[in-house]
Amino acid sequence: MSVYVRVQEKGQVTIPTRFRNKLKLKKGDTVMFVETKQGLLIKPAEVIVSEALDEIGKALKAEGITLEKWIEKGREFRAEMLMEEYGFKADELEEDR
C-alpha cells in the first residue's frame, strides 16, 4: 500500500494513522530508518531489539550453549566484576539480606 505525505520544513513527515496503529506506535516511541534499494524502511525499536535477541539466540544455539549455561556464565561474570570493582564476593551480599 502506498500513501503520499508531504515533507515539512525541518524534514519531518507524519506517519499515517493506519500505519501507526498497525505498528502500535505511540508518541515518544523510537523508530529506526533503514536504507534499502527500494527506499527507506521504518522499523519500531522493539522489533529491532527482538530481532537482535533472536540472532543472539541462534548464535548461542549454534555453539551448543543452553539458556542455563548462559545464565550461569552471567552469574560468574557478575561475581568477577563485584570482586574486581568492590573487593567482595557475591555470596557476601546474600548473607546481608
PDB file of N, CA and C in Angstrom:
ATOM      1  N   MET A   1       0.840  -1.169   0.000  1.00  0.00           N
ATOM      2  CA  MET A   1       0.000   0.000   0.000  1.00  0.00           C
ATOM      3  C   MET A   1       0.891   1.239   0.000  1.00  0.00           C
ATOM      4  N   SER A   2       0.577   2.179  -0.835  1.00  0.00           N
ATOM      5  CA  SER A   2       1.338   3.425  -0.928  1.00  0.00           C
ATOM      6  C   SER A   2       0.496   4.595  -0.456  1.00  0.00           C
ATOM      7  N   VAL A   3       1.114   5.478   0.286  1.00  0.00           N
ATOM      8  CA  VAL A   3       0.466   6.696   0.760  1.00  0.00           C
ATOM      9  C   VAL A   3       1.461   7.828   0.585  1.00  0.00           C
ATOM     10  N   TYR A   4       1.009   8.952   0.081  1.00  0.00           N
ATOM     11  CA  TYR A   4       1.880  10.107  -0.082  1.00  0.00           C
ATOM     12  C   TYR A   4       1.725  11.033   1.117  1.00  0.00           C
ATOM     13  N   VAL A   5       2.851  11.522   1.630  1.00  0.00           N
ATOM     14  CA  VAL A   5       2.839  12.526   2.691  1.00  0.00           C
ATOM     15  C   VAL A   5       3.808  13.629   2.300  1.00  0.00           C
ATOM     16  N   ARG A   6       3.569  14.812   2.811  1.00  0.00           N
ATOM     17  CA  ARG A   6       4.401  15.969   2.479  1.00  0.00           C
ATOM     18  C   ARG A   6       5.515  16.120   3.515  1.00  0.00           C
ATOM     19  N   VAL A   7       6.723  16.375   3.042  1.00  0.00           N
ATOM     20  CA  VAL A   7       7.859  16.627   3.924  1.00  0.00           C
ATOM     21  C   VAL A   7       7.745  18.064   4.425  1.00  0.00           C
ATOM     22  N   GLN A   8       7.818  18.236   5.739  1.00  0.00           N
ATOM     23  CA  GLN A   8       7.700  19.557   6.347  1.00  0.00           C
ATOM     24  C   GLN A   8       9.037  20.302   6.309  1.00  0.00           C
ATOM     25  N   GLU A   9       9.024  21.532   6.774  1.00  0.00           N
ATOM     26  CA  GLU A   9      10.186  22.425   6.708  1.00  0.00           C
ATOM     27  C   GLU A   9      11.455  21.811   7.300  1.00  0.00           C
ATOM     28  N   LYS A  10      11.350  21.131   8.424  1.00  0.00           N
ATOM     29  CA  LYS A  10      12.525  20.562   9.094  1.00  0.00           C
ATOM     30  C   LYS A  10      12.755  19.100   8.711  1.00  0.00           C
ATOM     31  N   GLY A  11      12.161  18.645   7.608  1.00  0.00           N
ATOM     32  CA  GLY A  11      12.355  17.273   7.158  1.00  0.00           C
ATOM     33  C   GLY A  11      11.423  16.278   7.820  1.00  0.00           C
ATOM     34  N   GLN A  12      10.469  16.759   8.592  1.00  0.00           N
ATOM     35  CA  GLN A  12       9.554  15.866   9.297  1.00  0.00           C
ATOM     36  C   GLN A  12       8.437  15.399   8.373  1.00  0.00           C
ATOM     37  N   VAL A  13       8.008  14.161   8.599  1.00  0.00           N
ATOM     38  CA  VAL A  13       6.828  13.633   7.918  1.00  0.00           C
ATOM     39  C   VAL A  13       5.924  13.014   8.975  1.00  0.00           C
ATOM     40  N   THR A  14       4.647  13.004   8.705  1.00  0.00           N
ATOM     41  CA  THR A  14       3.693  12.377   9.608  1.00  0.00           C
ATOM     42  C   THR A  14       3.417  10.970   9.110  1.00  0.00           C
ATOM     43  N   ILE A  15       3.613   9.996   9.986  1.00  0.00           N
ATOM     44  CA  ILE A  15       3.290   8.613   9.635  1.00  0.00           C
ATOM     45  C   ILE A  15       1.769   8.493   9.683  1.00  0.00           C
ATOM     46  N   PRO A  16       1.150   8.076   8.589  1.00  0.00           N
ATOM     47  CA  PRO A  16      -0.310   7.975   8.571  1.00  0.00           C
ATOM     48  C   PRO A  16      -0.841   7.100   9.707  1.00  0.00           C
ATOM     49  N   THR A  17      -2.018   7.470  10.196  1.00  0.00           N
ATOM     50  CA  THR A  17      -2.635   6.799  11.336  1.00  0.00           C
ATOM     51  C   THR A  17      -2.714   5.295  11.159  1.00  0.00           C
ATOM     52  N   ARG A  18      -3.116   4.828   9.984  1.00  0.00           N
ATOM     53  CA  ARG A  18      -3.281   3.370   9.808  1.00  0.00           C
ATOM     54  C   ARG A  18      -1.965   2.629  10.003  1.00  0.00           C
ATOM     55  N   PHE A  19      -0.832   3.266   9.607  1.00  0.00           N
ATOM     56  CA  PHE A  19       0.474   2.629   9.794  1.00  0.00           C
ATOM     57  C   PHE A  19       0.920   2.707  11.252  1.00  0.00           C
ATOM     58  N   ARG A  20       0.666   3.861  11.889  1.00  0.00           N
ATOM     59  CA  ARG A  20       0.998   3.985  13.318  1.00  0.00           C
ATOM     60  C   ARG A  20       0.234   2.948  14.127  1.00  0.00           C
ATOM     61  N   ASN A  21      -1.039   2.777  13.808  1.00  0.00           N
ATOM     62  CA  ASN A  21      -1.852   1.786  14.524  1.00  0.00           C
ATOM     63  C   ASN A  21      -1.349   0.372  14.262  1.00  0.00           C
ATOM     64  N   LYS A  22      -1.030   0.069  13.012  1.00  0.00           N
ATOM     65  CA  LYS A  22      -0.563  -1.273  12.661  1.00  0.00           C
ATOM     66  C   LYS A  22       0.748  -1.607  13.370  1.00  0.00           C
ATOM     67  N   LEU A  23       1.642  -0.616  13.483  1.00  0.00           N
ATOM     68  CA  LEU A  23       2.932  -0.811  14.147  1.00  0.00           C
ATOM     69  C   LEU A  23       2.858  -0.558  15.652  1.00  0.00           C
ATOM     70  N   LYS A  24       1.665  -0.165  16.130  1.00  0.00           N
ATOM     71  CA  LYS A  24       1.445   0.137  17.553  1.00  0.00           C
ATOM     72  C   LYS A  24       2.406   1.218  18.047  1.00  0.00           C
ATOM     73  N   LEU A  25       2.582   2.251  17.225  1.00  0.00           N
ATOM     74  CA  LEU A  25       3.458   3.366  17.589  1.00  0.00           C
ATOM     75  C   LEU A  25       2.675   4.410  18.365  1.00  0.00           C
ATOM     76  N   LYS A  26       3.315   4.930  19.413  1.00  0.00           N
ATOM     77  CA  LYS A  26       2.726   5.988  20.218  1.00  0.00           C
ATOM     78  C   LYS A  26       3.693   7.170  20.252  1.00  0.00           C
ATOM     79  N   LYS A  27       3.198   8.302  20.679  1.00  0.00           N
ATOM     80  CA  LYS A  27       4.042   9.479  20.831  1.00  0.00           C
ATOM     81  C   LYS A  27       5.230   9.133  21.727  1.00  0.00           C
ATOM     82  N   GLY A  28       6.440   9.477  21.280  1.00  0.00           N
ATOM     83  CA  GLY A  28       7.643   9.231  22.060  1.00  0.00           C
ATOM     84  C   GLY A  28       8.343   7.926  21.731  1.00  0.00           C
ATOM     85  N   ASP A  29       7.672   7.025  20.981  1.00  0.00           N
ATOM     86  CA  ASP A  29       8.320   5.768  20.586  1.00  0.00           C
ATOM     87  C   ASP A  29       9.490   6.059  19.651  1.00  0.00           C
ATOM     88  N   THR A  30      10.461   5.162  19.643  1.00  0.00           N
ATOM     89  CA  THR A  30      11.628   5.293  18.779  1.00  0.00           C
ATOM     90  C   THR A  30      11.487   4.349  17.599  1.00  0.00           C
ATOM     91  N   VAL A  31      11.798   4.868  16.420  1.00  0.00           N
ATOM     92  CA  VAL A  31      11.814   4.052  15.212  1.00  0.00           C
ATOM     93  C   VAL A  31      13.187   4.152  14.574  1.00  0.00           C
ATOM     94  N   MET A  32      13.474   3.196  13.714  1.00  0.00           N
ATOM     95  CA  MET A  32      14.754   3.180  13.007  1.00  0.00           C
ATOM     96  C   MET A  32      14.474   3.271  11.515  1.00  0.00           C
ATOM     97  N   PHE A  33      15.248   4.101  10.813  1.00  0.00           N
ATOM     98  CA  PHE A  33      15.168   4.176   9.364  1.00  0.00           C
ATOM     99  C   PHE A  33      16.276   3.308   8.792  1.00  0.00           C
ATOM    100  N   VAL A  34      15.910   2.384   7.910  1.00  0.00           N
ATOM    101  CA  VAL A  34      16.873   1.503   7.267  1.00  0.00           C
ATOM    102  C   VAL A  34      16.832   1.788   5.775  1.00  0.00           C
ATOM    103  N   GLU A  35      17.990   2.138   5.207  1.00  0.00           N
ATOM    104  CA  GLU A  35      18.050   2.403   3.772  1.00  0.00           C
ATOM    105  C   GLU A  35      18.110   1.077   3.022  1.00  0.00           C
ATOM    106  N   THR A  36      17.216   0.924   2.046  1.00  0.00           N
ATOM    107  CA  THR A  36      17.189  -0.275   1.207  1.00  0.00           C
ATOM    108  C   THR A  36      17.315   0.152  -0.253  1.00  0.00           C
ATOM    109  N   LYS A  37      17.426  -0.805  -1.153  1.00  0.00           N
ATOM    110  CA  LYS A  37      17.484  -0.485  -2.586  1.00  0.00           C
ATOM    111  C   LYS A  37      16.197   0.189  -3.051  1.00  0.00           C
ATOM    112  N   GLN A  38      15.083  -0.158  -2.396  1.00  0.00           N
ATOM    113  CA  GLN A  38      13.786   0.399  -2.779  1.00  0.00           C
ATOM    114  C   GLN A  38      13.482   1.745  -2.126  1.00  0.00           C
ATOM    115  N   GLY A  39      14.200   2.125  -1.089  1.00  0.00           N
ATOM    116  CA  GLY A  39      13.930   3.372  -0.382  1.00  0.00           C
ATOM    117  C   GLY A  39      14.240   3.233   1.093  1.00  0.00           C
ATOM    118  N   LEU A  40      13.341   3.733   1.935  1.00  0.00           N
ATOM    119  CA  LEU A  40      13.532   3.665   3.386  1.00  0.00           C
ATOM    120  C   LEU A  40      12.525   2.716   4.014  1.00  0.00           C
ATOM    121  N   LEU A  41      12.997   1.955   4.975  1.00  0.00           N
ATOM    122  CA  LEU A  41      12.157   1.065   5.762  1.00  0.00           C
ATOM    123  C   LEU A  41      12.122   1.636   7.174  1.00  0.00           C
ATOM    124  N   ILE A  42      10.933   1.768   7.741  1.00  0.00           N
ATOM    125  CA  ILE A  42      10.784   2.264   9.111  1.00  0.00           C
ATOM    126  C   ILE A  42      10.429   1.081   9.999  1.00  0.00           C
ATOM    127  N   LYS A  43      11.227   0.887  11.069  1.00  0.00           N
ATOM    128  CA  LYS A  43      11.000  -0.240  11.978  1.00  0.00           C
ATOM    129  C   LYS A  43      10.881   0.276  13.404  1.00  0.00           C
ATOM    130  N   PRO A  44       9.879  -0.210  14.154  1.00  0.00           N
ATOM    131  CA  PRO A  44       9.797   0.148  15.575  1.00  0.00           C
ATOM    132  C   PRO A  44      11.003  -0.402  16.330  1.00  0.00           C
ATOM    133  N   ALA A  45      11.448   0.303  17.355  1.00  0.00           N
ATOM    134  CA  ALA A  45      12.640  -0.085  18.113  1.00  0.00           C
ATOM    135  C   ALA A  45      12.505  -1.471  18.726  1.00  0.00           C
ATOM    136  N   GLU A  46      11.314  -1.835  19.247  1.00  0.00           N
ATOM    137  CA  GLU A  46      11.186  -3.142  19.887  1.00  0.00           C
ATOM    138  C   GLU A  46      11.353  -4.279  18.892  1.00  0.00           C
ATOM    139  N   VAL A  47      11.023  -4.057  17.630  1.00  0.00           N
ATOM    140  CA  VAL A  47      11.249  -5.065  16.591  1.00  0.00           C
ATOM    141  C   VAL A  47      12.747  -5.266  16.408  1.00  0.00           C
ATOM    142  N   ILE A  48      13.492  -4.178  16.436  1.00  0.00           N
ATOM    143  CA  ILE A  48      14.941  -4.240  16.272  1.00  0.00           C
ATOM    144  C   ILE A  48      15.561  -5.040  17.417  1.00  0.00           C
ATOM    145  N   VAL A  49      15.144  -4.756  18.643  1.00  0.00           N
ATOM    146  CA  VAL A  49      15.665  -5.470  19.811  1.00  0.00           C
ATOM    147  C   VAL A  49      15.297  -6.947  19.726  1.00  0.00           C
ATOM    148  N   SER A  50      14.064  -7.227  19.362  1.00  0.00           N
ATOM    149  CA  SER A  50      13.613  -8.612  19.244  1.00  0.00           C
ATOM    150  C   SER A  50      14.427  -9.367  18.201  1.00  0.00           C
ATOM    151  N   GLU A  51      14.681  -8.727  17.063  1.00  0.00           N
ATOM    152  CA  GLU A  51      15.484  -9.365  16.019  1.00  0.00           C
ATOM    153  C   GLU A  51      16.909  -9.618  16.501  1.00  0.00           C
ATOM    154  N   ALA A  52      17.469  -8.655  17.225  1.00  0.00           N
ATOM    155  CA  ALA A  52      18.830  -8.819  17.746  1.00  0.00           C
ATOM    156  C   ALA A  52      18.885  -9.983  18.735  1.00  0.00           C
ATOM    157  N   LEU A  53      17.888 -10.075  19.609  1.00  0.00           N
ATOM    158  CA  LEU A  53      17.848 -11.178  20.572  1.00  0.00           C
ATOM    159  C   LEU A  53      17.684 -12.522  19.870  1.00  0.00           C
ATOM    160  N   ASP A  54      16.883 -12.545  18.805  1.00  0.00           N
ATOM    161  CA  ASP A  54      16.736 -13.783  18.027  1.00  0.00           C
ATOM    162  C   ASP A  54      18.070 -14.213  17.431  1.00  0.00           C
ATOM    163  N   GLU A  55      18.829 -13.248  16.905  1.00  0.00           N
ATOM    164  CA  GLU A  55      20.135 -13.558  16.314  1.00  0.00           C
ATOM    165  C   GLU A  55      21.114 -14.066  17.375  1.00  0.00           C
ATOM    166  N   ILE A  56      21.085 -13.447  18.552  1.00  0.00           N
ATOM    167  CA  ILE A  56      21.944 -13.908  19.649  1.00  0.00           C
ATOM    168  C   ILE A  56      21.562 -15.337  20.035  1.00  0.00           C
ATOM    169  N   GLY A  57      20.254 -15.594  20.123  1.00  0.00           N
ATOM    170  CA  GLY A  57      19.781 -16.934  20.456  1.00  0.00           C
ATOM    171  C   GLY A  57      20.241 -17.974  19.445  1.00  0.00           C
ATOM    172  N   LYS A  58      20.170 -17.638  18.163  1.00  0.00           N
ATOM    173  CA  LYS A  58      20.619 -18.558  17.111  1.00  0.00           C
ATOM    174  C   LYS A  58      22.113 -18.832  17.232  1.00  0.00           C
ATOM    175  N   ALA A  59      22.888 -17.781  17.498  1.00  0.00           N
ATOM    176  CA  ALA A  59      24.343 -17.941  17.623  1.00  0.00           C
ATOM    177  C   ALA A  59      24.689 -18.820  18.826  1.00  0.00           C
ATOM    178  N   LEU A  60      24.011 -18.600  19.944  1.00  0.00           N
ATOM    179  CA  LEU A  60      24.258 -19.415  21.140  1.00  0.00           C
ATOM    180  C   LEU A  60      23.896 -20.877  20.885  1.00  0.00           C
ATOM    181  N   LYS A  61      22.755 -21.090  20.241  1.00  0.00           N
ATOM    182  CA  LYS A  61      22.320 -22.456  19.943  1.00  0.00           C
ATOM    183  C   LYS A  61      23.321 -23.147  19.021  1.00  0.00           C
ATOM    184  N   ALA A  62      23.823 -22.407  18.033  1.00  0.00           N
ATOM    185  CA  ALA A  62      24.801 -22.974  17.103  1.00  0.00           C
ATOM    186  C   ALA A  62      26.081 -23.386  17.827  1.00  0.00           C
ATOM    187  N   GLU A  63      26.405 -22.685  18.915  1.00  0.00           N
ATOM    188  CA  GLU A  63      27.596 -23.010  19.701  1.00  0.00           C
ATOM    189  C   GLU A  63      27.310 -24.052  20.782  1.00  0.00           C
ATOM    190  N   GLY A  64      26.057 -24.497  20.861  1.00  0.00           N
ATOM    191  CA  GLY A  64      25.693 -25.500  21.859  1.00  0.00           C
ATOM    192  C   GLY A  64      25.530 -24.941  23.257  1.00  0.00           C
ATOM    193  N   ILE A  65      25.290 -23.642  23.355  1.00  0.00           N
ATOM    194  CA  ILE A  65      25.139 -23.004  24.665  1.00  0.00           C
ATOM    195  C   ILE A  65      23.654 -22.941  25.013  1.00  0.00           C
ATOM    196  N   THR A  66      23.278 -23.555  26.123  1.00  0.00           N
ATOM    197  CA  THR A  66      21.885 -23.551  26.569  1.00  0.00           C
ATOM    198  C   THR A  66      21.602 -22.276  27.364  1.00  0.00           C
ATOM    199  N   LEU A  67      20.322 -22.016  27.584  1.00  0.00           N
ATOM    200  CA  LEU A  67      19.926 -20.866  28.395  1.00  0.00           C
ATOM    201  C   LEU A  67      20.497 -20.983  29.801  1.00  0.00           C
ATOM    202  N   GLU A  68      20.483 -22.183  30.344  1.00  0.00           N
ATOM    203  CA  GLU A  68      21.015 -22.403  31.697  1.00  0.00           C
ATOM    204  C   GLU A  68      22.503 -22.063  31.758  1.00  0.00           C
ATOM    205  N   LYS A  69      23.257 -22.506  30.742  1.00  0.00           N
ATOM    206  CA  LYS A  69      24.692 -22.188  30.693  1.00  0.00           C
ATOM    207  C   LYS A  69      24.900 -20.680  30.594  1.00  0.00           C
ATOM    208  N   TRP A  70      24.084 -20.021  29.788  1.00  0.00           N
ATOM    209  CA  TRP A  70      24.197 -18.575  29.579  1.00  0.00           C
ATOM    210  C   TRP A  70      23.947 -17.831  30.887  1.00  0.00           C
ATOM    211  N   ILE A  71      22.911 -18.238  31.611  1.00  0.00           N
ATOM    212  CA  ILE A  71      22.596 -17.607  32.899  1.00  0.00           C
ATOM    213  C   ILE A  71      23.733 -17.825  33.893  1.00  0.00           C
ATOM    214  N   GLU A  72      24.261 -19.038  33.950  1.00  0.00           N
ATOM    215  CA  GLU A  72      25.366 -19.340  34.866  1.00  0.00           C
ATOM    216  C   GLU A  72      26.596 -18.503  34.528  1.00  0.00           C
ATOM    217  N   LYS A  73      26.908 -18.366  33.249  1.00  0.00           N
ATOM    218  CA  LYS A  73      28.053 -17.537  32.838  1.00  0.00           C
ATOM    219  C   LYS A  73      27.833 -16.086  33.257  1.00  0.00           C
ATOM    220  N   GLY A  74      26.586 -15.621  33.167  1.00  0.00           N
ATOM    221  CA  GLY A  74      26.265 -14.264  33.606  1.00  0.00           C
ATOM    222  C   GLY A  74      26.517 -14.081  35.093  1.00  0.00           C
ATOM    223  N   ARG A  75      26.128 -15.076  35.878  1.00  0.00           N
ATOM    224  CA  ARG A  75      26.371 -15.029  37.332  1.00  0.00           C
ATOM    225  C   ARG A  75      27.867 -14.997  37.628  1.00  0.00           C
ATOM    226  N   GLU A  76      28.616 -15.845  36.912  1.00  0.00           N
ATOM    227  CA  GLU A  76      30.069 -15.881  37.115  1.00  0.00           C
ATOM    228  C   GLU A  76      30.698 -14.535  36.757  1.00  0.00           C
ATOM    229  N   PHE A  77      30.251 -13.949  35.662  1.00  0.00           N
ATOM    230  CA  PHE A  77      30.787 -12.662  35.228  1.00  0.00           C
ATOM    231  C   PHE A  77      30.486 -11.575  36.263  1.00  0.00           C
ATOM    232  N   ARG A  78      29.240 -11.534  36.754  1.00  0.00           N
ATOM    233  CA  ARG A  78      28.876 -10.530  37.765  1.00  0.00           C
ATOM    234  C   ARG A  78      29.690 -10.714  39.038  1.00  0.00           C
ATOM    235  N   ALA A  79      29.924 -11.966  39.431  1.00  0.00           N
ATOM    236  CA  ALA A  79      30.728 -12.241  40.632  1.00  0.00           C
ATOM    237  C   ALA A  79      32.148 -11.724  40.449  1.00  0.00           C
ATOM    238  N   GLU A  80      32.725 -11.947  39.266  1.00  0.00           N
ATOM    239  CA  GLU A  80      34.076 -11.443  38.981  1.00  0.00           C
ATOM    240  C   GLU A  80      34.106  -9.918  39.023  1.00  0.00           C
ATOM    241  N   MET A  81      33.086  -9.280  38.462  1.00  0.00           N
ATOM    242  CA  MET A  81      33.028  -7.816  38.448  1.00  0.00           C
ATOM    243  C   MET A  81      32.900  -7.257  39.861  1.00  0.00           C
ATOM    244  N   LEU A  82      32.079  -7.889  40.703  1.00  0.00           N
ATOM    245  CA  LEU A  82      31.949  -7.445  42.092  1.00  0.00           C
ATOM    246  C   LEU A  82      33.287  -7.506  42.813  1.00  0.00           C
ATOM    247  N   MET A  83      34.017  -8.589  42.596  1.00  0.00           N
ATOM    248  CA  MET A  83      35.316  -8.750  43.243  1.00  0.00           C
ATOM    249  C   MET A  83      36.295  -7.696  42.735  1.00  0.00           C
ATOM    250  N   GLU A  84      36.351  -7.500  41.427  1.00  0.00           N
ATOM    251  CA  GLU A  84      37.293  -6.538  40.848  1.00  0.00           C
ATOM    252  C   GLU A  84      36.957  -5.102  41.229  1.00  0.00           C
ATOM    253  N   GLU A  85      35.679  -4.746  41.157  1.00  0.00           N
ATOM    254  CA  GLU A  85      35.268  -3.361  41.385  1.00  0.00           C
ATOM    255  C   GLU A  85      35.138  -2.998  42.862  1.00  0.00           C
ATOM    256  N   TYR A  86      34.626  -3.935  43.675  1.00  0.00           N
ATOM    257  CA  TYR A  86      34.286  -3.594  45.053  1.00  0.00           C
ATOM    258  C   TYR A  86      35.011  -4.432  46.101  1.00  0.00           C
ATOM    259  N   GLY A  87      35.714  -5.463  45.659  1.00  0.00           N
ATOM    260  CA  GLY A  87      36.507  -6.255  46.581  1.00  0.00           C
ATOM    261  C   GLY A  87      35.741  -7.217  47.459  1.00  0.00           C
ATOM    262  N   PHE A  88      34.526  -7.592  47.071  1.00  0.00           N
ATOM    263  CA  PHE A  88      33.823  -8.602  47.852  1.00  0.00           C
ATOM    264  C   PHE A  88      33.129  -9.596  46.941  1.00  0.00           C
ATOM    265  N   LYS A  89      32.753 -10.726  47.525  1.00  0.00           N
ATOM    266  CA  LYS A  89      32.149 -11.820  46.773  1.00  0.00           C
ATOM    267  C   LYS A  89      30.635 -11.684  46.743  1.00  0.00           C
ATOM    268  N   ALA A  90      30.039 -12.231  45.697  1.00  0.00           N
ATOM    269  CA  ALA A  90      28.586 -12.169  45.538  1.00  0.00           C
ATOM    270  C   ALA A  90      27.864 -12.834  46.695  1.00  0.00           C
ATOM    271  N   ASP A  91      28.414 -13.931  47.231  1.00  0.00           N
ATOM    272  CA  ASP A  91      27.738 -14.622  48.334  1.00  0.00           C
ATOM    273  C   ASP A  91      27.736 -13.788  49.611  1.00  0.00           C
ATOM    274  N   GLU A  92      28.636 -12.804  49.716  1.00  0.00           N
ATOM    275  CA  GLU A  92      28.626 -11.898  50.868  1.00  0.00           C
ATOM    276  C   GLU A  92      27.386 -11.014  50.840  1.00  0.00           C
ATOM    277  N   LEU A  93      26.903 -10.696  49.639  1.00  0.00           N
ATOM    278  CA  LEU A  93      25.668  -9.919  49.514  1.00  0.00           C
ATOM    279  C   LEU A  93      24.482 -10.725  50.022  1.00  0.00           C
ATOM    280  N   GLU A  94      24.458 -12.012  49.717  1.00  0.00           N
ATOM    281  CA  GLU A  94      23.371 -12.889  50.149  1.00  0.00           C
ATOM    282  C   GLU A  94      23.294 -12.954  51.670  1.00  0.00           C
ATOM    283  N   GLU A  95      24.445 -12.932  52.345  1.00  0.00           N
ATOM    284  CA  GLU A  95      24.476 -13.008  53.807  1.00  0.00           C
ATOM    285  C   GLU A  95      23.863 -11.771  54.445  1.00  0.00           C
ATOM    286  N   ASP A  96      23.950 -10.608  53.762  1.00  0.00           N
ATOM    287  CA  ASP A  96      23.434  -9.357  54.309  1.00  0.00           C
ATOM    288  C   ASP A  96      21.919  -9.240  54.183  1.00  0.00           C
ATOM    289  N   ARG A  97      21.303 -10.074  53.400  1.00  0.00           N
ATOM    290  CA  ARG A  97      19.850  -9.950  53.172  1.00  0.00           C
ATOM    291  C   ARG A  97      19.056 -10.413  54.331  1.00  0.00           C
TER     292      ARG A  97
END
